[in-house]
Amino acid sequence: MPTSPETRESLILRLPTQSDAQAWREFVEIYEPLLFRFARRRGLQEADAREIAQNVFVAVAKAVGRWEPNQERGRFRAWLFRIARNQVINTVSKHRRDRASGRTAEIEVLKELPNREEIDEVAADYRREMFRLAAAQVRESFHANTWAAFWKSSVLARPVEEVAKEVGISTGAVYIAKSRVIAKIKSVILQWEQEDAL
């Protein structure tokens, strides 16, 4: 991922350009973990979840040239996860046919509109992925001790006093490190969101 990633809208608008391999690398880096977890949470095995992610990327490659930002039609992520949901349904249906069980209850449940919990789950996954990407982008702008103090106290949720001793700084410095790094990460994510019409 480049040190200054483009907005997701501009990234998506670059996808139809077949020669823009960097756009696809960035797109896959952002969305593959989300799609994989989405499929796994629906009870699919790891291999099936990976196949679903790949199938979603193939479907996006075929259709993204026709996609245009439009607030009335919803965000790109909603479109992407509709494709993923359809892929899950297709995979479950195929497994059902392969086993010739004749049961369709699980397929009917999958076909229902997403519930609030499912929407919240996808949104939380997306926020975690944005945090991961923003943290990777800003990490080099901080001293190693500052980053260690932030990571150990905020992400790993270790006690501030313990982190201060381990890193060799005061507890006040740990709080300052946490505050500075979190502010920088939030700033990067906010900038992406302000530029993002998705």
N, C-alpha and C. Protein backbone atom coordinates (compact mmCIF):
# COMPACT_ATOMS: atom_id res chain seq x y z
N MET A 1 0.85 -1.18 0.00
CA MET A 1 0.00 0.00 0.00
C MET A 1 0.89 1.23 0.00
N PRO A 2 0.61 2.23 -0.82
CA PRO A 2 1.44 3.41 -0.84
C PRO A 2 1.30 4.18 0.46
N THR A 3 2.28 5.06 0.75
CA THR A 3 2.23 5.78 2.01
C THR A 3 1.07 6.75 2.05
N SER A 4 0.57 7.19 0.92
CA SER A 4 -0.57 8.10 0.88
C SER A 4 -1.64 7.54 -0.05
N PRO A 5 -2.48 6.62 0.47
CA PRO A 5 -3.44 5.98 -0.42
C PRO A 5 -4.46 6.96 -0.96
N GLU A 6 -4.90 6.66 -2.19
CA GLU A 6 -5.93 7.50 -2.79
C GLU A 6 -7.25 7.25 -2.07
N THR A 7 -8.20 8.11 -2.28
CA THR A 7 -9.52 7.88 -1.69
C THR A 7 -10.09 6.61 -2.29
N ARG A 8 -11.01 6.00 -1.55
CA ARG A 8 -11.61 4.79 -2.08
C ARG A 8 -12.40 5.07 -3.35
N GLU A 9 -13.03 6.23 -3.45
CA GLU A 9 -13.78 6.54 -4.68
C GLU A 9 -12.83 6.60 -5.86
N SER A 10 -11.73 7.33 -5.71
CA SER A 10 -10.81 7.43 -6.84
C SER A 10 -10.16 6.08 -7.13
N LEU A 11 -9.95 5.28 -6.10
CA LEU A 11 -9.40 3.95 -6.29
C LEU A 11 -10.39 3.11 -7.11
N ILE A 12 -11.65 3.14 -6.75
CA ILE A 12 -12.66 2.36 -7.45
C ILE A 12 -12.80 2.82 -8.90
N LEU A 13 -12.70 4.11 -9.11
CA LEU A 13 -12.81 4.62 -10.47
C LEU A 13 -11.60 4.23 -11.32
N ARG A 14 -10.49 3.85 -10.67
CA ARG A 14 -9.31 3.37 -11.41
C ARG A 14 -9.40 1.89 -11.77
N LEU A 15 -10.27 1.14 -11.10
CA LEU A 15 -10.33 -0.31 -11.31
C LEU A 15 -10.64 -0.74 -12.74
N PRO A 16 -11.51 -0.03 -13.47
CA PRO A 16 -11.78 -0.48 -14.84
C PRO A 16 -10.56 -0.42 -15.76
N THR A 17 -9.55 0.35 -15.39
CA THR A 17 -8.34 0.45 -16.21
C THR A 17 -7.53 -0.82 -16.01
N GLN A 18 -7.53 -1.68 -17.00
CA GLN A 18 -6.92 -3.00 -16.86
C GLN A 18 -5.43 -2.93 -16.57
N SER A 19 -4.77 -1.88 -16.98
CA SER A 19 -3.33 -1.79 -16.77
C SER A 19 -2.98 -1.27 -15.37
N ASP A 20 -3.96 -0.89 -14.58
CA ASP A 20 -3.69 -0.31 -13.26
C ASP A 20 -3.66 -1.41 -12.19
N ALA A 21 -2.59 -2.18 -12.20
CA ALA A 21 -2.45 -3.29 -11.25
C ALA A 21 -2.36 -2.77 -9.81
N GLN A 22 -1.78 -1.60 -9.61
CA GLN A 22 -1.65 -1.04 -8.27
C GLN A 22 -3.03 -0.78 -7.66
N ALA A 23 -3.98 -0.32 -8.45
CA ALA A 23 -5.33 -0.08 -7.94
C ALA A 23 -5.95 -1.38 -7.45
N TRP A 24 -5.76 -2.45 -8.21
CA TRP A 24 -6.31 -3.73 -7.80
C TRP A 24 -5.61 -4.26 -6.54
N ARG A 25 -4.30 -4.07 -6.44
CA ARG A 25 -3.59 -4.51 -5.23
C ARG A 25 -4.15 -3.79 -4.01
N GLU A 26 -4.34 -2.48 -4.11
CA GLU A 26 -4.88 -1.70 -3.00
C GLU A 26 -6.29 -2.15 -2.67
N PHE A 27 -7.10 -2.34 -3.71
CA PHE A 27 -8.49 -2.75 -3.52
C PHE A 27 -8.56 -4.10 -2.80
N VAL A 28 -7.76 -5.06 -3.26
CA VAL A 28 -7.75 -6.39 -2.65
C VAL A 28 -7.24 -6.30 -1.21
N GLU A 29 -6.22 -5.48 -0.96
CA GLU A 29 -5.69 -5.35 0.40
C GLU A 29 -6.76 -4.84 1.36
N ILE A 30 -7.59 -3.92 0.91
CA ILE A 30 -8.63 -3.37 1.77
C ILE A 30 -9.77 -4.36 1.96
N TYR A 31 -10.26 -4.95 0.88
CA TYR A 31 -11.51 -5.69 0.94
C TYR A 31 -11.39 -7.20 1.11
N GLU A 32 -10.27 -7.80 0.76
CA GLU A 32 -10.18 -9.26 0.90
C GLU A 32 -10.38 -9.74 2.34
N PRO A 33 -9.74 -9.13 3.33
CA PRO A 33 -9.98 -9.60 4.71
C PRO A 33 -11.44 -9.46 5.13
N LEU A 34 -12.10 -8.39 4.68
CA LEU A 34 -13.51 -8.18 5.02
C LEU A 34 -14.39 -9.25 4.39
N LEU A 35 -14.15 -9.52 3.12
CA LEU A 35 -14.94 -10.52 2.41
C LEU A 35 -14.71 -11.92 2.98
N PHE A 36 -13.48 -12.21 3.33
CA PHE A 36 -13.15 -13.52 3.91
C PHE A 36 -13.89 -13.71 5.23
N ARG A 37 -13.80 -12.71 6.12
CA ARG A 37 -14.49 -12.82 7.41
C ARG A 37 -16.01 -12.88 7.22
N PHE A 38 -16.52 -12.12 6.27
CA PHE A 38 -17.95 -12.14 5.97
C PHE A 38 -18.41 -13.56 5.64
N ALA A 39 -17.67 -14.25 4.79
CA ALA A 39 -18.03 -15.62 4.39
C ALA A 39 -17.83 -16.60 5.54
N ARG A 40 -16.74 -16.46 6.29
CA ARG A 40 -16.49 -17.38 7.40
C ARG A 40 -17.57 -17.26 8.46
N ARG A 41 -18.06 -16.06 8.71
CA ARG A 41 -19.11 -15.88 9.72
C ARG A 41 -20.43 -16.50 9.29
N ARG A 42 -20.54 -16.82 8.03
CA ARG A 42 -21.74 -17.49 7.56
C ARG A 42 -21.55 -19.00 7.54
N GLY A 43 -20.51 -19.46 8.21
CA GLY A 43 -20.30 -20.89 8.41
C GLY A 43 -19.56 -21.60 7.31
N LEU A 44 -18.98 -20.86 6.38
CA LEU A 44 -18.26 -21.51 5.29
C LEU A 44 -16.84 -21.86 5.72
N GLN A 45 -16.31 -22.90 5.11
CA GLN A 45 -14.95 -23.32 5.39
C GLN A 45 -13.97 -22.31 4.79
N GLU A 46 -12.75 -22.37 5.26
CA GLU A 46 -11.74 -21.41 4.82
C GLU A 46 -11.57 -21.39 3.31
N ALA A 47 -11.48 -22.56 2.69
CA ALA A 47 -11.28 -22.61 1.23
C ALA A 47 -12.47 -21.99 0.50
N ASP A 48 -13.68 -22.27 0.97
CA ASP A 48 -14.86 -21.68 0.35
C ASP A 48 -14.88 -20.17 0.54
N ALA A 49 -14.49 -19.71 1.71
CA ALA A 49 -14.47 -18.26 1.98
C ALA A 49 -13.47 -17.56 1.06
N ARG A 50 -12.32 -18.17 0.86
CA ARG A 50 -11.32 -17.58 -0.05
C ARG A 50 -11.84 -17.57 -1.49
N GLU A 51 -12.52 -18.64 -1.87
CA GLU A 51 -13.07 -18.71 -3.22
C GLU A 51 -14.15 -17.64 -3.41
N ILE A 52 -14.96 -17.42 -2.39
CA ILE A 52 -15.98 -16.39 -2.48
C ILE A 52 -15.34 -15.02 -2.68
N ALA A 53 -14.29 -14.73 -1.91
CA ALA A 53 -13.61 -13.44 -2.07
C ALA A 53 -13.10 -13.29 -3.51
N GLN A 54 -12.50 -14.35 -4.05
CA GLN A 54 -12.01 -14.28 -5.43
C GLN A 54 -13.15 -14.10 -6.43
N ASN A 55 -14.26 -14.80 -6.20
CA ASN A 55 -15.41 -14.66 -7.09
C ASN A 55 -15.99 -13.24 -7.04
N VAL A 56 -15.97 -12.64 -5.86
CA VAL A 56 -16.44 -11.27 -5.73
C VAL A 56 -15.54 -10.34 -6.55
N PHE A 57 -14.24 -10.55 -6.47
CA PHE A 57 -13.32 -9.70 -7.24
C PHE A 57 -13.54 -9.88 -8.74
N VAL A 58 -13.82 -11.10 -9.17
CA VAL A 58 -14.10 -11.33 -10.59
C VAL A 58 -15.38 -10.60 -11.00
N ALA A 59 -16.42 -10.70 -10.16
CA ALA A 59 -17.67 -10.01 -10.45
C ALA A 59 -17.48 -8.50 -10.49
N VAL A 60 -16.70 -7.98 -9.56
CA VAL A 60 -16.42 -6.54 -9.53
C VAL A 60 -15.67 -6.14 -10.79
N ALA A 61 -14.68 -6.94 -11.18
CA ALA A 61 -13.90 -6.63 -12.39
C ALA A 61 -14.80 -6.53 -13.62
N LYS A 62 -15.82 -7.39 -13.68
CA LYS A 62 -16.73 -7.38 -14.83
C LYS A 62 -17.68 -6.19 -14.81
N ALA A 63 -18.07 -5.73 -13.60
CA ALA A 63 -19.13 -4.73 -13.51
C ALA A 63 -18.68 -3.34 -13.08
N VAL A 64 -17.47 -3.21 -12.56
CA VAL A 64 -17.06 -1.93 -11.97
C VAL A 64 -17.00 -0.80 -12.99
N GLY A 65 -16.82 -1.13 -14.25
CA GLY A 65 -16.79 -0.09 -15.29
C GLY A 65 -18.12 0.64 -15.42
N ARG A 66 -19.20 -0.02 -15.00
CA ARG A 66 -20.52 0.60 -15.07
C ARG A 66 -20.91 1.29 -13.77
N TRP A 67 -20.11 1.11 -12.71
CA TRP A 67 -20.44 1.70 -11.41
C TRP A 67 -20.10 3.19 -11.41
N GLU A 68 -21.01 3.98 -10.88
CA GLU A 68 -20.78 5.41 -10.72
C GLU A 68 -21.20 5.82 -9.32
N PRO A 69 -20.47 6.73 -8.70
CA PRO A 69 -20.88 7.18 -7.37
C PRO A 69 -22.29 7.79 -7.44
N ASN A 70 -23.15 7.33 -6.55
CA ASN A 70 -24.52 7.83 -6.54
C ASN A 70 -25.10 7.60 -5.15
N GLN A 71 -25.32 8.68 -4.42
CA GLN A 71 -25.81 8.59 -3.05
C GLN A 71 -27.16 7.90 -2.97
N GLU A 72 -28.01 8.06 -3.98
CA GLU A 72 -29.34 7.47 -3.95
C GLU A 72 -29.28 5.95 -4.04
N ARG A 73 -28.31 5.42 -4.75
CA ARG A 73 -28.21 3.96 -4.89
C ARG A 73 -27.43 3.34 -3.75
N GLY A 74 -26.81 4.13 -2.91
CA GLY A 74 -26.08 3.59 -1.78
C GLY A 74 -24.58 3.56 -2.02
N ARG A 75 -23.89 3.13 -1.01
CA ARG A 75 -22.43 3.11 -1.04
C ARG A 75 -21.90 1.91 -1.81
N PHE A 76 -20.68 2.05 -2.25
CA PHE A 76 -20.01 0.97 -2.98
C PHE A 76 -19.92 -0.28 -2.11
N ARG A 77 -19.63 -0.11 -0.81
CA ARG A 77 -19.51 -1.27 0.08
C ARG A 77 -20.80 -2.08 0.10
N ALA A 78 -21.94 -1.40 0.07
CA ALA A 78 -23.23 -2.12 0.08
C ALA A 78 -23.35 -2.98 -1.18
N TRP A 79 -22.98 -2.41 -2.31
CA TRP A 79 -23.00 -3.15 -3.58
C TRP A 79 -22.04 -4.35 -3.49
N LEU A 80 -20.85 -4.10 -2.98
CA LEU A 80 -19.84 -5.15 -2.87
C LEU A 80 -20.34 -6.30 -2.01
N PHE A 81 -20.96 -5.97 -0.87
CA PHE A 81 -21.41 -7.04 0.02
C PHE A 81 -22.70 -7.70 -0.46
N ARG A 82 -23.45 -7.04 -1.33
CA ARG A 82 -24.57 -7.74 -1.99
C ARG A 82 -24.00 -8.82 -2.91
N ILE A 83 -22.94 -8.49 -3.61
CA ILE A 83 -22.27 -9.49 -4.45
C ILE A 83 -21.77 -10.64 -3.58
N ALA A 84 -21.14 -10.31 -2.46
CA ALA A 84 -20.62 -11.34 -1.57
C ALA A 84 -21.74 -12.22 -1.04
N ARG A 85 -22.85 -11.60 -0.64
CA ARG A 85 -23.99 -12.37 -0.13
C ARG A 85 -24.50 -13.33 -1.22
N ASN A 86 -24.59 -12.85 -2.45
CA ASN A 86 -25.03 -13.72 -3.55
C ASN A 86 -24.05 -14.87 -3.77
N GLN A 87 -22.76 -14.59 -3.62
CA GLN A 87 -21.77 -15.65 -3.77
C GLN A 87 -21.92 -16.69 -2.66
N VAL A 88 -22.20 -16.24 -1.45
CA VAL A 88 -22.43 -17.18 -0.34
C VAL A 88 -23.64 -18.05 -0.65
N ILE A 89 -24.71 -17.43 -1.12
CA ILE A 89 -25.92 -18.18 -1.47
C ILE A 89 -25.61 -19.20 -2.55
N ASN A 90 -24.86 -18.79 -3.57
CA ASN A 90 -24.50 -19.72 -4.66
C ASN A 90 -23.68 -20.89 -4.13
N THR A 91 -22.73 -20.61 -3.23
CA THR A 91 -21.88 -21.67 -2.68
C THR A 91 -22.70 -22.63 -1.84
N VAL A 92 -23.56 -22.10 -0.98
CA VAL A 92 -24.41 -22.96 -0.15
C VAL A 92 -25.33 -23.79 -1.05
N SER A 93 -25.89 -23.15 -2.07
CA SER A 93 -26.78 -23.87 -2.99
C SER A 93 -26.05 -25.00 -3.69
N LYS A 94 -24.84 -24.71 -4.13
CA LYS A 94 -24.04 -25.72 -4.83
C LYS A 94 -23.75 -26.90 -3.90
N HIS A 95 -23.36 -26.59 -2.66
CA HIS A 95 -23.08 -27.67 -1.71
C HIS A 95 -24.34 -28.49 -1.44
N ARG A 96 -25.46 -27.80 -1.37
CA ARG A 96 -26.73 -28.50 -1.15
C ARG A 96 -27.05 -29.43 -2.33
N ARG A 97 -26.86 -28.91 -3.53
CA ARG A 97 -27.12 -29.74 -4.71
C ARG A 97 -26.16 -30.92 -4.75
N ASP A 98 -24.89 -30.63 -4.42
CA ASP A 98 -23.89 -31.70 -4.44
C ASP A 98 -24.25 -32.82 -3.47
N ARG A 99 -24.83 -32.43 -2.34
CA ARG A 99 -25.21 -33.44 -1.35
C ARG A 99 -26.63 -33.96 -1.56
N ALA A 100 -27.34 -33.31 -2.49
CA ALA A 100 -28.71 -33.71 -2.83
C ALA A 100 -29.58 -33.87 -1.59
N SER A 101 -29.45 -32.94 -0.66
CA SER A 101 -30.21 -33.05 0.59
C SER A 101 -31.63 -32.56 0.43
N GLY A 102 -31.85 -31.63 -0.50
CA GLY A 102 -33.19 -31.12 -0.70
C GLY A 102 -33.63 -30.10 0.33
N ARG A 103 -32.85 -29.83 1.36
CA ARG A 103 -33.22 -28.84 2.38
C ARG A 103 -32.89 -27.45 1.88
N THR A 104 -33.79 -26.52 2.03
CA THR A 104 -33.56 -25.16 1.55
C THR A 104 -33.68 -24.12 2.65
N ALA A 105 -33.90 -24.52 3.88
CA ALA A 105 -34.12 -23.55 4.96
C ALA A 105 -32.94 -22.60 5.11
N GLU A 106 -31.71 -23.12 5.07
CA GLU A 106 -30.54 -22.26 5.25
C GLU A 106 -30.42 -21.27 4.09
N ILE A 107 -30.72 -21.71 2.88
CA ILE A 107 -30.65 -20.83 1.72
C ILE A 107 -31.68 -19.72 1.85
N GLU A 108 -32.88 -20.06 2.29
CA GLU A 108 -33.91 -19.04 2.46
C GLU A 108 -33.50 -18.01 3.50
N VAL A 109 -32.84 -18.44 4.57
CA VAL A 109 -32.36 -17.51 5.59
C VAL A 109 -31.32 -16.57 4.99
N LEU A 110 -30.42 -17.13 4.17
CA LEU A 110 -29.39 -16.31 3.55
C LEU A 110 -29.96 -15.29 2.57
N LYS A 111 -31.10 -15.63 1.95
CA LYS A 111 -31.69 -14.73 0.96
C LYS A 111 -32.41 -13.54 1.59
N GLU A 112 -32.70 -13.63 2.88
CA GLU A 112 -33.39 -12.53 3.54
C GLU A 112 -32.54 -11.28 3.49
N LEU A 113 -33.20 -10.15 3.61
CA LEU A 113 -32.46 -8.89 3.66
C LEU A 113 -31.54 -8.89 4.87
N PRO A 114 -30.40 -8.22 4.77
CA PRO A 114 -29.49 -8.20 5.91
C PRO A 114 -30.17 -7.55 7.11
N ASN A 115 -29.94 -8.13 8.28
CA ASN A 115 -30.50 -7.54 9.49
C ASN A 115 -29.53 -6.52 10.06
N ARG A 116 -29.96 -5.82 11.06
CA ARG A 116 -29.16 -4.74 11.67
C ARG A 116 -27.84 -5.28 12.19
N GLU A 117 -27.86 -6.46 12.79
CA GLU A 117 -26.65 -7.06 13.34
C GLU A 117 -25.62 -7.32 12.24
N GLU A 118 -26.10 -7.83 11.11
CA GLU A 118 -25.20 -8.12 9.99
C GLU A 118 -24.61 -6.83 9.42
N ILE A 119 -25.43 -5.80 9.29
CA ILE A 119 -24.95 -4.51 8.79
C ILE A 119 -23.92 -3.93 9.74
N ASP A 120 -24.19 -4.01 11.04
CA ASP A 120 -23.25 -3.51 12.05
C ASP A 120 -21.94 -4.29 12.02
N GLU A 121 -22.03 -5.60 11.79
CA GLU A 121 -20.86 -6.46 11.72
C GLU A 121 -19.94 -6.05 10.56
N VAL A 122 -20.54 -5.82 9.39
CA VAL A 122 -19.75 -5.41 8.22
C VAL A 122 -19.14 -4.03 8.48
N ALA A 123 -19.91 -3.13 9.07
CA ALA A 123 -19.40 -1.78 9.37
C ALA A 123 -18.24 -1.85 10.36
N ALA A 124 -18.36 -2.69 11.38
CA ALA A 124 -17.28 -2.83 12.36
C ALA A 124 -16.03 -3.41 11.71
N ASP A 125 -16.21 -4.40 10.85
CA ASP A 125 -15.07 -4.97 10.12
C ASP A 125 -14.39 -3.91 9.28
N TYR A 126 -15.19 -3.10 8.62
CA TYR A 126 -14.64 -2.04 7.77
C TYR A 126 -13.85 -1.04 8.62
N ARG A 127 -14.40 -0.64 9.78
CA ARG A 127 -13.68 0.30 10.66
C ARG A 127 -12.35 -0.29 11.13
N ARG A 128 -12.36 -1.59 11.47
CA ARG A 128 -11.11 -2.23 11.88
C ARG A 128 -10.08 -2.22 10.75
N GLU A 129 -10.55 -2.48 9.54
CA GLU A 129 -9.63 -2.49 8.39
C GLU A 129 -9.09 -1.09 8.13
N MET A 130 -9.93 -0.07 8.25
CA MET A 130 -9.46 1.31 8.07
C MET A 130 -8.47 1.68 9.16
N PHE A 131 -8.71 1.23 10.40
CA PHE A 131 -7.76 1.47 11.48
C PHE A 131 -6.42 0.82 11.14
N ARG A 132 -6.46 -0.43 10.68
CA ARG A 132 -5.22 -1.14 10.35
C ARG A 132 -4.44 -0.40 9.26
N LEU A 133 -5.13 0.03 8.21
CA LEU A 133 -4.46 0.73 7.12
C LEU A 133 -3.93 2.10 7.56
N ALA A 134 -4.71 2.83 8.35
CA ALA A 134 -4.26 4.14 8.83
C ALA A 134 -3.08 3.98 9.78
N ALA A 135 -3.14 2.98 10.65
CA ALA A 135 -2.03 2.74 11.59
C ALA A 135 -0.75 2.41 10.82
N ALA A 136 -0.87 1.59 9.78
CA ALA A 136 0.31 1.26 8.97
C ALA A 136 0.87 2.50 8.30
N GLN A 137 -0.01 3.40 7.89
CA GLN A 137 0.44 4.61 7.21
C GLN A 137 1.17 5.57 8.15
N VAL A 138 0.68 5.72 9.38
CA VAL A 138 1.26 6.73 10.28
C VAL A 138 2.39 6.19 11.15
N ARG A 139 2.57 4.90 11.21
CA ARG A 139 3.54 4.30 12.12
C ARG A 139 4.94 4.90 12.00
N GLU A 140 5.41 5.08 10.79
CA GLU A 140 6.78 5.57 10.59
C GLU A 140 6.96 7.03 11.02
N SER A 141 5.86 7.73 11.24
CA SER A 141 5.99 9.14 11.65
C SER A 141 6.18 9.30 13.16
N PHE A 142 6.24 8.19 13.89
CA PHE A 142 6.43 8.24 15.34
C PHE A 142 7.70 7.52 15.75
N HIS A 143 8.30 8.00 16.82
CA HIS A 143 9.46 7.34 17.42
C HIS A 143 9.04 5.95 17.88
N ALA A 144 9.97 5.01 17.88
CA ALA A 144 9.66 3.62 18.24
C ALA A 144 9.04 3.51 19.63
N ASN A 145 9.55 4.29 20.60
CA ASN A 145 9.00 4.24 21.97
C ASN A 145 7.57 4.78 22.00
N THR A 146 7.31 5.82 21.25
CA THR A 146 5.96 6.40 21.21
C THR A 146 5.00 5.37 20.63
N TRP A 147 5.39 4.74 19.53
CA TRP A 147 4.53 3.74 18.91
C TRP A 147 4.31 2.55 19.85
N ALA A 148 5.38 2.08 20.47
CA ALA A 148 5.26 0.93 21.39
C ALA A 148 4.33 1.27 22.55
N ALA A 149 4.45 2.48 23.09
CA ALA A 149 3.59 2.89 24.21
C ALA A 149 2.12 2.90 23.76
N PHE A 150 1.87 3.45 22.59
CA PHE A 150 0.50 3.47 22.06
C PHE A 150 -0.01 2.05 21.84
N TRP A 151 0.75 1.25 21.10
CA TRP A 151 0.29 -0.07 20.70
C TRP A 151 0.01 -0.96 21.92
N LYS A 152 0.95 -0.97 22.83
CA LYS A 152 0.80 -1.85 23.99
C LYS A 152 -0.33 -1.42 24.92
N SER A 153 -0.50 -0.11 25.07
CA SER A 153 -1.54 0.36 25.99
C SER A 153 -2.91 0.43 25.33
N SER A 154 -2.99 0.82 24.07
CA SER A 154 -4.29 0.99 23.41
C SER A 154 -4.77 -0.26 22.70
N VAL A 155 -3.93 -0.86 21.90
CA VAL A 155 -4.35 -1.99 21.09
C VAL A 155 -4.30 -3.29 21.90
N LEU A 156 -3.21 -3.48 22.61
CA LEU A 156 -3.07 -4.71 23.41
C LEU A 156 -3.73 -4.58 24.78
N ALA A 157 -4.18 -3.36 25.12
CA ALA A 157 -4.91 -3.09 26.37
C ALA A 157 -4.14 -3.49 27.62
N ARG A 158 -2.84 -3.23 27.60
CA ARG A 158 -2.03 -3.52 28.79
C ARG A 158 -2.05 -2.31 29.71
N PRO A 159 -1.89 -2.52 31.02
CA PRO A 159 -1.92 -1.39 31.96
C PRO A 159 -0.83 -0.37 31.65
N VAL A 160 -1.20 0.90 31.77
CA VAL A 160 -0.29 2.00 31.44
C VAL A 160 0.99 1.91 32.27
N GLU A 161 0.86 1.61 33.55
CA GLU A 161 2.05 1.53 34.42
C GLU A 161 3.02 0.45 33.94
N GLU A 162 2.47 -0.69 33.52
CA GLU A 162 3.29 -1.79 33.01
C GLU A 162 3.99 -1.39 31.71
N VAL A 163 3.26 -0.73 30.83
CA VAL A 163 3.82 -0.29 29.55
C VAL A 163 4.92 0.74 29.80
N ALA A 164 4.68 1.67 30.72
CA ALA A 164 5.68 2.71 31.02
C ALA A 164 6.99 2.08 31.46
N LYS A 165 6.92 1.10 32.36
CA LYS A 165 8.15 0.43 32.84
C LYS A 165 8.84 -0.30 31.69
N GLU A 166 8.06 -1.01 30.89
CA GLU A 166 8.63 -1.80 29.80
C GLU A 166 9.29 -0.93 28.75
N VAL A 167 8.65 0.19 28.40
CA VAL A 167 9.17 1.06 27.35
C VAL A 167 10.24 2.00 27.89
N GLY A 168 10.23 2.23 29.21
CA GLY A 168 11.23 3.10 29.82
C GLY A 168 10.85 4.58 29.78
N ILE A 169 9.55 4.86 29.90
CA ILE A 169 9.07 6.23 29.93
C ILE A 169 8.09 6.39 31.09
N SER A 170 7.70 7.61 31.37
CA SER A 170 6.77 7.85 32.47
C SER A 170 5.35 7.47 32.05
N THR A 171 4.47 7.29 33.04
CA THR A 171 3.07 6.99 32.71
C THR A 171 2.43 8.15 31.95
N GLY A 172 2.81 9.37 32.31
CA GLY A 172 2.31 10.54 31.59
C GLY A 172 2.71 10.51 30.12
N ALA A 173 3.94 10.06 29.85
CA ALA A 173 4.41 9.97 28.47
C ALA A 173 3.63 8.90 27.69
N VAL A 174 3.20 7.85 28.39
CA VAL A 174 2.39 6.81 27.73
C VAL A 174 1.05 7.42 27.31
N TYR A 175 0.43 8.17 28.22
CA TYR A 175 -0.84 8.82 27.89
C TYR A 175 -0.70 9.81 26.73
N ILE A 176 0.40 10.54 26.73
CA ILE A 176 0.65 11.50 25.64
C ILE A 176 0.85 10.75 24.33
N ALA A 177 1.61 9.66 24.37
CA ALA A 177 1.85 8.85 23.17
C ALA A 177 0.53 8.32 22.61
N LYS A 178 -0.30 7.76 23.51
CA LYS A 178 -1.61 7.25 23.08
C LYS A 178 -2.42 8.35 22.40
N SER A 179 -2.45 9.50 23.03
CA SER A 179 -3.25 10.61 22.53
C SER A 179 -2.76 11.07 21.16
N ARG A 180 -1.45 11.22 21.01
CA ARG A 180 -0.89 11.70 19.75
C ARG A 180 -1.13 10.72 18.61
N VAL A 181 -0.88 9.44 18.86
CA VAL A 181 -1.03 8.44 17.80
C VAL A 181 -2.50 8.29 17.43
N ILE A 182 -3.37 8.21 18.41
CA ILE A 182 -4.81 8.06 18.13
C ILE A 182 -5.31 9.27 17.34
N ALA A 183 -4.86 10.47 17.73
CA ALA A 183 -5.29 11.67 17.00
C ALA A 183 -4.84 11.61 15.54
N LYS A 184 -3.62 11.15 15.31
CA LYS A 184 -3.10 11.06 13.94
C LYS A 184 -3.87 10.02 13.12
N ILE A 185 -4.15 8.86 13.73
CA ILE A 185 -4.90 7.82 13.03
C ILE A 185 -6.31 8.32 12.70
N LYS A 186 -6.96 8.96 13.68
CA LYS A 186 -8.30 9.50 13.45
C LYS A 186 -8.28 10.54 12.33
N SER A 187 -7.24 11.36 12.31
CA SER A 187 -7.12 12.39 11.29
C SER A 187 -7.03 11.77 9.89
N VAL A 188 -6.24 10.72 9.76
CA VAL A 188 -6.09 10.05 8.46
C VAL A 188 -7.42 9.44 8.03
N ILE A 189 -8.08 8.75 8.95
CA ILE A 189 -9.36 8.11 8.62
C ILE A 189 -10.41 9.17 8.28
N LEU A 190 -10.44 10.26 9.05
CA LEU A 190 -11.39 11.34 8.78
C LEU A 190 -11.16 11.93 7.40
N GLN A 191 -9.90 12.12 7.04
CA GLN A 191 -9.58 12.64 5.71
C GLN A 191 -10.09 11.69 4.64
N TRP A 192 -9.86 10.39 4.81
CA TRP A 192 -10.36 9.41 3.84
C TRP A 192 -11.87 9.48 3.75
N GLU A 193 -12.54 9.57 4.89
CA GLU A 193 -14.01 9.58 4.89
C GLU A 193 -14.56 10.86 4.25
N GLN A 194 -13.91 11.98 4.48
CA GLN A 194 -14.37 13.24 3.89
C GLN A 194 -14.23 13.22 2.37
N GLU A 195 -13.20 12.54 1.89
CA GLU A 195 -12.97 12.44 0.45
C GLU A 195 -13.76 11.30 -0.18
N ASP A 196 -14.35 10.46 0.66
CA ASP A 196 -14.99 9.24 0.20
C ASP A 196 -16.48 9.44 -0.01
N ALA A 197 -16.92 9.34 -1.25
CA ALA A 197 -18.33 9.45 -1.56
C ALA A 197 -18.97 8.07 -1.63
N LEU A 198 -18.31 7.07 -1.09
CA LEU A 198 -18.79 5.71 -1.23
C LEU A 198 -19.77 5.37 -0.15
